[in-house]
Amino acid sequence: MHPMLERSIEVLGDRWTAHLVAASFYGLTRFKDLQAELKVASNILTDRLSRLVERGMLQKHLYQTRPERWEYRLTQEGRDFFPLIAALMAWGDRWLSTEAGPPEILTHACGARLVPVVRCGACDGPVDVKTTTLA
């Protein structure tokens, strides 16, 4: 496997970590809110938040001193993960939806359904397995 692909998968390779990052994109930053939304055990949530802070994808910010309460905000590294979340959602919409369709649809600010596309940075051509090589 390509070393960077392997390292990238290690960062977000379990369901709770990916869900945490996705929830962070939509404004959930506090432990109790994340736990309520994701319905995750507190020990798992604590572990995944610590890993994401250590990795540099989230930053801890104190919002209450007594008792200490923290919120977890996306860093630039964390925000840069959004295109991958959007692509995973689009793939799931296409291949895992029921006949009723996807439960939620990601839309752009213009109101249209978002269709993530990877394009070449030089020629703007579409990218797929046939048009790429590992060098």
C-alpha atoms as a PDB file:
ATOM      1  CA  MET A   1       0.000   0.000   0.000  1.00  0.00           C
ATOM      2  CA  HIS A   2       1.132   3.547  -0.662  1.00  0.00           C
ATOM      3  CA  PRO A   3       2.725   4.844   2.598  1.00  0.00           C
ATOM      4  CA  MET A   4       0.752   8.107   2.714  1.00  0.00           C
ATOM      5  CA  LEU A   5      -2.522   6.308   2.058  1.00  0.00           C
ATOM      6  CA  GLU A   6      -1.767   3.937   4.913  1.00  0.00           C
ATOM      7  CA  ARG A   7      -0.900   6.815   7.263  1.00  0.00           C
ATOM      8  CA  SER A   8      -4.022   8.738   6.236  1.00  0.00           C
ATOM      9  CA  ILE A   9      -6.248   5.737   6.903  1.00  0.00           C
ATOM     10  CA  GLU A  10      -4.639   5.344  10.333  1.00  0.00           C
ATOM     11  CA  VAL A  11      -5.640   8.907  11.265  1.00  0.00           C
ATOM     12  CA  LEU A  12      -9.351   8.401  10.610  1.00  0.00           C
ATOM     13  CA  GLY A  13      -9.557   4.653  10.261  1.00  0.00           C
ATOM     14  CA  ASP A  14     -12.360   3.930  12.702  1.00  0.00           C
ATOM     15  CA  ARG A  15     -16.000   4.905  12.606  1.00  0.00           C
ATOM     16  CA  TRP A  16     -16.017   7.095  15.714  1.00  0.00           C
ATOM     17  CA  THR A  17     -13.121   9.249  14.587  1.00  0.00           C
ATOM     18  CA  ALA A  18     -14.668   9.859  11.167  1.00  0.00           C
ATOM     19  CA  HIS A  19     -18.051  10.629  12.783  1.00  0.00           C
ATOM     20  CA  LEU A  20     -16.393  13.067  15.204  1.00  0.00           C
ATOM     21  CA  VAL A  21     -14.698  14.978  12.413  1.00  0.00           C
ATOM     22  CA  ALA A  22     -17.902  15.047  10.354  1.00  0.00           C
ATOM     23  CA  ALA A  23     -19.908  16.289  13.369  1.00  0.00           C
ATOM     24  CA  SER A  24     -17.297  18.998  13.933  1.00  0.00           C
ATOM     25  CA  PHE A  25     -17.918  20.357  10.433  1.00  0.00           C
ATOM     26  CA  TYR A  26     -21.509  21.000  11.401  1.00  0.00           C
ATOM     27  CA  GLY A  27     -20.804  22.897  14.592  1.00  0.00           C
ATOM     28  CA  LEU A  28     -20.714  20.244  17.302  1.00  0.00           C
ATOM     29  CA  THR A  29     -17.731  21.151  19.455  1.00  0.00           C
ATOM     30  CA  ARG A  30     -18.620  20.244  23.036  1.00  0.00           C
ATOM     31  CA  PHE A  31     -18.205  16.835  24.622  1.00  0.00           C
ATOM     32  CA  LYS A  32     -21.816  16.535  25.815  1.00  0.00           C
ATOM     33  CA  ASP A  33     -23.180  17.587  22.419  1.00  0.00           C
ATOM     34  CA  LEU A  34     -20.927  15.167  20.547  1.00  0.00           C
ATOM     35  CA  GLN A  35     -21.836  12.353  22.923  1.00  0.00           C
ATOM     36  CA  ALA A  36     -25.569  13.054  22.609  1.00  0.00           C
ATOM     37  CA  GLU A  37     -25.461  13.256  18.809  1.00  0.00           C
ATOM     38  CA  LEU A  38     -23.203  10.263  18.193  1.00  0.00           C
ATOM     39  CA  LYS A  39     -24.442   8.110  21.084  1.00  0.00           C
ATOM     40  CA  VAL A  40     -20.883   7.041  21.849  1.00  0.00           C
ATOM     41  CA  ALA A  41     -19.544   5.827  25.203  1.00  0.00           C
ATOM     42  CA  SER A  42     -17.685   8.541  27.116  1.00  0.00           C
ATOM     43  CA  ASN A  43     -14.432   6.546  27.278  1.00  0.00           C
ATOM     44  CA  ILE A  44     -14.408   6.074  23.497  1.00  0.00           C
ATOM     45  CA  LEU A  45     -15.247   9.731  22.898  1.00  0.00           C
ATOM     46  CA  THR A  46     -12.493  10.864  25.277  1.00  0.00           C
ATOM     47  CA  ASP A  47      -9.985   8.609  23.524  1.00  0.00           C
ATOM     48  CA  ARG A  48     -10.900   9.734  20.004  1.00  0.00           C
ATOM     49  CA  LEU A  49     -10.933  13.420  20.929  1.00  0.00           C
ATOM     50  CA  SER A  50      -7.498  13.051  22.548  1.00  0.00           C
ATOM     51  CA  ARG A  51      -6.150  11.358  19.424  1.00  0.00           C
ATOM     52  CA  LEU A  52      -7.519  14.081  17.159  1.00  0.00           C
ATOM     53  CA  VAL A  53      -6.040  16.806  19.383  1.00  0.00           C
ATOM     54  CA  GLU A  54      -2.684  14.995  19.465  1.00  0.00           C
ATOM     55  CA  ARG A  55      -2.807  14.552  15.683  1.00  0.00           C
ATOM     56  CA  GLY A  56      -3.494  18.267  15.213  1.00  0.00           C
ATOM     57  CA  MET A  57      -6.938  17.961  13.647  1.00  0.00           C
ATOM     58  CA  LEU A  58      -8.725  19.475  16.657  1.00  0.00           C
ATOM     59  CA  GLN A  59      -7.716  22.105  19.234  1.00  0.00           C
ATOM     60  CA  LYS A  60      -9.018  22.182  22.802  1.00  0.00           C
ATOM     61  CA  HIS A  61     -10.472  25.485  24.017  1.00  0.00           C
ATOM     62  CA  LEU A  62     -11.570  26.098  27.594  1.00  0.00           C
ATOM     63  CA  TYR A  63     -15.076  27.564  27.648  1.00  0.00           C
ATOM     64  CA  GLN A  64     -15.888  27.115  31.357  1.00  0.00           C
ATOM     65  CA  THR A  65     -13.514  27.138  34.328  1.00  0.00           C
ATOM     66  CA  ARG A  66     -15.615  25.599  37.133  1.00  0.00           C
ATOM     67  CA  PRO A  67     -15.857  22.804  36.449  1.00  0.00           C
ATOM     68  CA  GLU A  68     -13.432  22.827  33.540  1.00  0.00           C
ATOM     69  CA  ARG A  69     -15.262  22.307  30.272  1.00  0.00           C
ATOM     70  CA  TRP A  70     -13.624  22.144  26.894  1.00  0.00           C
ATOM     71  CA  GLU A  71     -14.732  22.448  23.332  1.00  0.00           C
ATOM     72  CA  TYR A  72     -12.928  20.944  20.382  1.00  0.00           C
ATOM     73  CA  ARG A  73     -12.505  23.082  17.282  1.00  0.00           C
ATOM     74  CA  LEU A  74     -11.255  21.993  13.898  1.00  0.00           C
ATOM     75  CA  THR A  75      -7.796  23.173  12.929  1.00  0.00           C
ATOM     76  CA  GLN A  76      -6.863  23.899   9.323  1.00  0.00           C
ATOM     77  CA  GLU A  77      -5.654  20.305   9.079  1.00  0.00           C
ATOM     78  CA  GLY A  78      -9.072  19.137  10.251  1.00  0.00           C
ATOM     79  CA  ARG A  79     -10.941  21.478   7.895  1.00  0.00           C
ATOM     80  CA  ASP A  80      -8.856  20.181   4.997  1.00  0.00           C
ATOM     81  CA  PHE A  81     -10.516  16.794   5.557  1.00  0.00           C
ATOM     82  CA  PHE A  82     -13.927  18.090   4.421  1.00  0.00           C
ATOM     83  CA  PRO A  83     -13.578  17.074   0.747  1.00  0.00           C
ATOM     84  CA  LEU A  84     -12.969  13.491   1.863  1.00  0.00           C
ATOM     85  CA  ILE A  85     -16.071  13.482   4.074  1.00  0.00           C
ATOM     86  CA  ALA A  86     -18.094  14.912   1.162  1.00  0.00           C
ATOM     87  CA  ALA A  87     -16.724  12.243  -1.191  1.00  0.00           C
ATOM     88  CA  LEU A  88     -17.511   9.454   1.295  1.00  0.00           C
ATOM     89  CA  MET A  89     -21.057  10.767   1.685  1.00  0.00           C
ATOM     90  CA  ALA A  90     -21.523  10.912  -2.097  1.00  0.00           C
ATOM     91  CA  TRP A  91     -20.220   7.360  -2.484  1.00  0.00           C
ATOM     92  CA  GLY A  92     -22.591   6.179   0.248  1.00  0.00           C
ATOM     93  CA  ASP A  93     -25.504   8.018  -1.388  1.00  0.00           C
ATOM     94  CA  ARG A  94     -24.802   6.214  -4.646  1.00  0.00           C
ATOM     95  CA  TRP A  95     -24.013   2.723  -3.425  1.00  0.00           C
ATOM     96  CA  LEU A  96     -25.562   2.291   0.020  1.00  0.00           C
ATOM     97  CA  SER A  97     -28.887   4.146  -0.175  1.00  0.00           C
ATOM     98  CA  THR A  98     -32.225   2.405   0.022  1.00  0.00           C
ATOM     99  CA  GLU A  99     -34.903   2.845  -2.622  1.00  0.00           C
ATOM    100  CA  ALA A 100     -36.115   5.875  -0.660  1.00  0.00           C
ATOM    101  CA  GLY A 101     -32.791   7.582  -1.375  1.00  0.00           C
ATOM    102  CA  PRO A 102     -30.167   8.990   0.964  1.00  0.00           C
ATOM    103  CA  PRO A 103     -31.350  10.197   4.387  1.00  0.00           C
ATOM    104  CA  GLU A 104     -29.608  13.557   3.939  1.00  0.00           C
ATOM    105  CA  ILE A 105     -28.361  15.382   0.879  1.00  0.00           C
ATOM    106  CA  LEU A 106     -25.288  17.593   0.988  1.00  0.00           C
ATOM    107  CA  THR A 107     -26.006  20.865  -0.805  1.00  0.00           C
ATOM    108  CA  HIS A 108     -23.788  23.735  -1.911  1.00  0.00           C
ATOM    109  CA  ALA A 109     -24.388  27.340  -0.812  1.00  0.00           C
ATOM    110  CA  CYS A 110     -26.021  27.932  -4.226  1.00  0.00           C
ATOM    111  CA  GLY A 111     -28.718  25.390  -3.314  1.00  0.00           C
ATOM    112  CA  ALA A 112     -27.680  22.645  -5.719  1.00  0.00           C
ATOM    113  CA  ARG A 113     -26.853  19.113  -4.646  1.00  0.00           C
ATOM    114  CA  LEU A 114     -23.120  18.798  -4.052  1.00  0.00           C
ATOM    115  CA  VAL A 115     -21.314  16.351  -6.321  1.00  0.00           C
ATOM    116  CA  PRO A 116     -17.659  16.134  -5.250  1.00  0.00           C
ATOM    117  CA  VAL A 117     -15.278  15.676  -8.168  1.00  0.00           C
ATOM    118  CA  VAL A 118     -11.504  15.258  -8.112  1.00  0.00           C
ATOM    119  CA  ARG A 119      -9.817  17.152 -10.950  1.00  0.00           C
ATOM    120  CA  CYS A 120      -6.235  17.616 -12.080  1.00  0.00           C
ATOM    121  CA  GLY A 121      -4.699  20.803 -10.691  1.00  0.00           C
ATOM    122  CA  ALA A 122      -2.880  21.511 -13.977  1.00  0.00           C
ATOM    123  CA  CYS A 123      -5.317  20.678 -16.798  1.00  0.00           C
ATOM    124  CA  ASP A 124      -8.597  20.507 -14.824  1.00  0.00           C
ATOM    125  CA  GLY A 125      -9.270  17.062 -16.315  1.00  0.00           C
ATOM    126  CA  PRO A 126     -11.258  14.475 -14.373  1.00  0.00           C
ATOM    127  CA  VAL A 127      -9.255  12.045 -12.266  1.00  0.00           C
ATOM    128  CA  ASP A 128      -9.808   8.299 -12.091  1.00  0.00           C
ATOM    129  CA  VAL A 129      -7.695   5.168 -11.868  1.00  0.00           C
ATOM    130  CA  LYS A 130      -7.052   5.209 -15.639  1.00  0.00           C
ATOM    131  CA  THR A 131      -5.666   8.759 -15.673  1.00  0.00           C
ATOM    132  CA  THR A 132      -3.305   8.513 -12.694  1.00  0.00           C
ATOM    133  CA  THR A 133      -0.045   6.811 -11.795  1.00  0.00           C
ATOM    134  CA  LEU A 134       2.045   6.572  -8.646  1.00  0.00           C
ATOM    135  CA  ALA A 135       5.442   8.149  -9.203  1.00  0.00           C
END
